Amino acid sequence: MASNKKGLRTALLGAILALAATVIPVQALDITNVAFVQTVGTTTSIPVGHLEFCQNRPDECRPHASPVGAVSLTEGLWQQLLSVNASVNQGVTPVTDEQLYQVAEFWTYPNGYGDCEDYALAKRRQLIDAGWPASTLLMSVVKQANGEGHAVLMVRTDRGDLVLDNQVGSVDLWSSTPYKFIKRQSQADAGKWVDMIDTREIVVATAAIN
């Protein structure tokens, strides 16, 4: 048993070290490319649900000591994104906060049930546990075509901003989703948010990155 645990720790350490070798510092990242969502320089209001989440879990909402700009998306990491997105989507039953907690909005980790932000939080936690830098995993608020709000996880990679969504099985570039992007977590501080600039007039969903 001890030998198996040691082997598992060694394998996990190796995976984390491999991921660490693929990170790109903030200052070395050119985010002017259309593959990245542009943001306003100043911070904006925090979603009420996330504010309460941070009050309950302050360790998860602190400034990042050394923010990582993006992760270099290798084939292995791409497959990991697909796997995490699929496993959480399949493992959680969609239920509204009103049905589950009798409140309009409540952000937390799913207990087998949850709504959109709970899915996104679970994916963020799984990827952090796998060694992904927290500063590249950004809770984001978007608006659906029907005008309703929605939450997704945005992952910043050298291929652009990718979206993990509980409503679709694919992992797509932000501009290939049918959403208007409103605001997201700051890369510098997990407890702060910034407005996103989405000036697209026509939003059409297309296939995922290959």
Protein backbone atom coordinates (compact mmCIF):
# COMPACT_ATOMS: atom_id res chain seq x y z
CA MET A 1 0.00 0.00 0.00
CA ALA A 2 2.77 2.45 0.93
CA SER A 3 4.58 1.64 -2.31
CA ASN A 4 1.43 2.34 -4.35
CA LYS A 5 0.90 5.68 -2.59
CA LYS A 6 4.51 6.66 -3.23
CA GLY A 7 4.12 5.78 -6.89
CA LEU A 8 0.95 7.84 -7.13
CA ARG A 9 2.62 10.84 -5.49
CA THR A 10 5.56 10.53 -7.87
CA ALA A 11 3.27 10.36 -10.90
CA LEU A 12 1.27 13.37 -9.69
CA LEU A 13 4.43 15.37 -9.06
CA GLY A 14 5.66 14.52 -12.52
CA ALA A 15 2.40 15.72 -14.07
CA ILE A 16 2.53 18.99 -12.13
CA LEU A 17 6.16 19.58 -13.09
CA ALA A 18 5.32 18.93 -16.73
CA LEU A 19 2.48 21.45 -16.55
CA ALA A 20 4.72 24.00 -14.84
CA ALA A 21 7.05 23.84 -17.82
CA THR A 22 4.23 24.93 -20.15
CA VAL A 23 3.11 28.13 -18.41
CA ILE A 24 3.51 31.55 -19.99
CA PRO A 25 4.13 34.62 -17.77
CA VAL A 26 1.62 37.47 -17.96
CA GLN A 27 4.17 39.89 -19.37
CA ALA A 28 5.10 37.49 -22.19
CA LEU A 29 1.52 37.01 -23.41
CA ASP A 30 0.12 39.00 -26.34
CA ILE A 31 -3.59 39.21 -25.54
CA THR A 32 -4.38 41.64 -28.38
CA ASN A 33 -5.11 38.62 -30.57
CA VAL A 34 -8.82 38.06 -31.27
CA ALA A 35 -8.52 34.63 -29.66
CA PHE A 36 -8.50 36.42 -26.30
CA VAL A 37 -11.35 38.37 -24.73
CA GLN A 38 -10.32 41.95 -24.13
CA THR A 39 -11.03 43.48 -20.71
CA VAL A 40 -11.41 46.88 -19.11
CA GLY A 41 -8.40 47.88 -17.04
CA THR A 42 -10.26 48.61 -13.82
CA THR A 43 -12.08 46.15 -11.58
CA THR A 44 -15.86 45.86 -11.62
CA SER A 45 -18.63 44.61 -9.34
CA ILE A 46 -18.40 41.05 -8.08
CA PRO A 47 -21.38 38.77 -8.70
CA VAL A 48 -23.31 38.44 -5.45
CA GLY A 49 -23.02 34.68 -5.52
CA HIS A 50 -19.25 34.80 -5.86
CA LEU A 51 -18.94 37.45 -3.16
CA GLU A 52 -20.75 35.15 -0.72
CA PHE A 53 -18.65 32.21 -1.92
CA CYS A 54 -15.49 34.20 -1.12
CA GLN A 55 -16.78 35.15 2.30
CA ASN A 56 -17.25 31.45 3.06
CA ARG A 57 -13.99 30.36 1.38
CA PRO A 58 -11.51 33.26 1.65
CA ASP A 59 -8.53 31.04 0.84
CA GLU A 60 -9.93 30.59 -2.66
CA CYS A 61 -10.31 34.31 -3.34
CA ARG A 62 -6.87 35.75 -2.68
CA PRO A 63 -4.44 37.68 -4.93
CA HIS A 64 -2.10 35.46 -6.94
CA ALA A 65 1.52 35.91 -5.85
CA SER A 66 2.87 35.19 -9.34
CA PRO A 67 0.03 35.24 -11.88
CA VAL A 68 0.53 33.00 -14.90
CA GLY A 69 -0.65 34.56 -18.15
CA ALA A 70 -1.56 31.38 -19.99
CA VAL A 71 -0.83 27.69 -20.30
CA SER A 72 0.76 26.30 -23.48
CA LEU A 73 -1.89 23.90 -24.70
CA THR A 74 -0.26 20.55 -25.38
CA GLU A 75 -2.23 17.57 -26.66
CA GLY A 76 -2.16 16.07 -23.17
CA LEU A 77 -3.55 19.21 -21.55
CA TRP A 78 -6.20 19.55 -24.26
CA GLN A 79 -7.37 16.02 -23.52
CA GLN A 80 -7.40 16.86 -19.82
CA LEU A 81 -9.71 19.83 -20.46
CA LEU A 82 -12.05 17.61 -22.46
CA SER A 83 -12.00 14.96 -19.75
CA VAL A 84 -12.71 17.34 -16.87
CA ASN A 85 -15.46 19.10 -18.81
CA ALA A 86 -17.13 15.80 -19.66
CA SER A 87 -16.78 14.21 -16.22
CA VAL A 88 -18.29 17.17 -14.36
CA ASN A 89 -21.07 17.61 -16.92
CA GLN A 90 -21.97 13.94 -16.62
CA GLY A 91 -21.54 13.73 -12.86
CA VAL A 92 -23.78 16.63 -11.85
CA THR A 93 -27.55 16.78 -12.26
CA PRO A 94 -28.78 20.27 -13.22
CA VAL A 95 -30.96 21.84 -10.54
CA THR A 96 -31.66 25.52 -9.90
CA ASP A 97 -30.61 27.26 -6.70
CA GLU A 98 -34.28 27.91 -5.96
CA GLN A 99 -35.00 24.18 -6.08
CA LEU A 100 -31.89 23.14 -4.19
CA TYR A 101 -31.33 25.92 -1.65
CA GLN A 102 -34.54 27.98 -1.80
CA VAL A 103 -32.59 31.12 -2.76
CA ALA A 104 -32.22 32.95 -6.06
CA GLU A 105 -28.42 32.62 -6.22
CA PHE A 106 -25.96 30.45 -4.32
CA TRP A 107 -22.46 29.60 -5.57
CA THR A 108 -20.95 26.43 -4.19
CA TYR A 109 -19.44 23.10 -5.19
CA PRO A 110 -22.03 20.61 -6.43
CA ASN A 111 -23.04 17.70 -4.23
CA GLY A 112 -24.26 15.69 -7.18
CA TYR A 113 -26.65 18.54 -8.03
CA GLY A 114 -26.05 22.13 -9.02
CA ASP A 115 -26.51 24.89 -11.56
CA CYS A 116 -24.16 26.51 -14.05
CA GLU A 117 -21.75 28.23 -11.64
CA ASP A 118 -21.48 25.09 -9.53
CA TYR A 119 -20.38 23.12 -12.60
CA ALA A 120 -17.80 25.80 -13.40
CA LEU A 121 -16.47 25.89 -9.82
CA ALA A 122 -16.08 22.10 -9.82
CA LYS A 123 -14.13 22.17 -13.09
CA ARG A 124 -11.91 24.96 -11.79
CA ARG A 125 -11.14 22.99 -8.62
CA GLN A 126 -10.36 19.79 -10.51
CA LEU A 127 -7.97 21.58 -12.85
CA ILE A 128 -6.23 23.37 -9.97
CA ASP A 129 -5.83 20.00 -8.22
CA ALA A 130 -4.29 18.68 -11.45
CA GLY A 131 -1.69 21.46 -11.39
CA TRP A 132 -3.20 24.15 -13.60
CA PRO A 133 -2.39 27.70 -12.41
CA ALA A 134 -5.43 29.27 -10.74
CA SER A 135 -4.80 32.55 -12.58
CA THR A 136 -5.59 30.82 -15.90
CA LEU A 137 -8.92 29.41 -14.67
CA LEU A 138 -11.47 32.21 -14.61
CA MET A 139 -15.08 32.11 -13.49
CA SER A 140 -17.01 34.12 -16.06
CA VAL A 141 -20.49 35.57 -16.43
CA VAL A 142 -22.07 35.62 -19.89
CA LYS A 143 -25.47 36.42 -21.35
CA GLN A 144 -27.37 33.85 -23.37
CA ALA A 145 -29.23 34.63 -26.60
CA ASN A 146 -32.50 34.76 -24.64
CA GLY A 147 -31.04 37.42 -22.35
CA GLU A 148 -30.62 35.17 -19.32
CA GLY A 149 -27.37 35.15 -17.34
CA HIS A 150 -25.11 32.12 -17.36
CA ALA A 151 -21.77 31.14 -15.81
CA VAL A 152 -18.91 29.27 -17.50
CA LEU A 153 -15.26 28.55 -16.80
CA MET A 154 -12.83 30.41 -19.06
CA VAL A 155 -9.39 28.85 -19.45
CA ARG A 156 -6.59 31.09 -20.72
CA THR A 157 -4.20 29.21 -23.01
CA ASP A 158 -1.71 30.16 -25.70
CA ARG A 159 -4.42 29.11 -28.20
CA GLY A 160 -6.81 31.68 -26.78
CA ASP A 161 -9.57 31.80 -24.18
CA LEU A 162 -11.36 28.45 -24.08
CA VAL A 163 -14.78 27.90 -22.53
CA LEU A 164 -15.88 24.95 -20.41
CA ASP A 165 -19.67 24.95 -20.33
CA ASN A 166 -22.24 22.66 -18.75
CA GLN A 167 -24.63 23.20 -21.66
CA VAL A 168 -22.39 21.71 -24.36
CA GLY A 169 -19.97 18.79 -24.47
CA SER A 170 -17.29 20.55 -26.51
CA VAL A 171 -14.58 22.94 -25.33
CA ASP A 172 -14.75 25.99 -27.57
CA LEU A 173 -12.91 29.21 -28.24
CA TRP A 174 -14.81 32.06 -26.57
CA SER A 175 -15.72 33.64 -29.93
CA SER A 176 -17.25 30.35 -31.11
CA THR A 177 -19.87 30.27 -28.37
CA PRO A 178 -23.40 31.74 -28.56
CA TYR A 179 -22.86 34.07 -25.60
CA LYS A 180 -22.24 37.73 -24.89
CA PHE A 181 -19.28 37.90 -22.49
CA ILE A 182 -19.92 40.25 -19.58
CA LYS A 183 -17.26 39.89 -16.86
CA ARG A 184 -14.77 37.45 -15.35
CA GLN A 185 -12.38 36.95 -12.46
CA SER A 186 -9.20 39.00 -12.52
CA GLN A 187 -6.04 37.09 -13.37
CA ALA A 188 -4.23 38.99 -10.66
CA ASP A 189 -6.73 38.40 -7.85
CA ALA A 190 -9.27 35.57 -7.60
CA GLY A 191 -11.47 37.76 -5.40
CA LYS A 192 -11.82 40.56 -7.95
CA TRP A 193 -13.58 40.80 -11.31
CA VAL A 194 -13.07 42.75 -14.54
CA ASP A 195 -15.49 43.68 -17.32
CA MET A 196 -15.01 41.95 -20.66
CA ILE A 197 -15.29 43.77 -23.98
CA ASP A 198 -17.43 41.80 -26.42
CA THR A 199 -18.40 43.95 -29.40
CA ARG A 200 -19.55 41.14 -31.68
CA GLU A 201 -22.91 41.85 -33.31
CA ILE A 202 -23.55 38.33 -34.56
CA VAL A 203 -22.68 35.40 -32.31
CA VAL A 204 -22.60 31.99 -33.98
CA ALA A 205 -21.54 28.73 -32.33
CA THR A 206 -19.02 26.68 -34.31
CA ALA A 207 -17.01 23.53 -33.77
CA ALA A 208 -14.46 23.15 -30.99
CA ILE A 209 -10.72 23.60 -31.49
CA ASN A 210 -9.07 20.50 -32.92
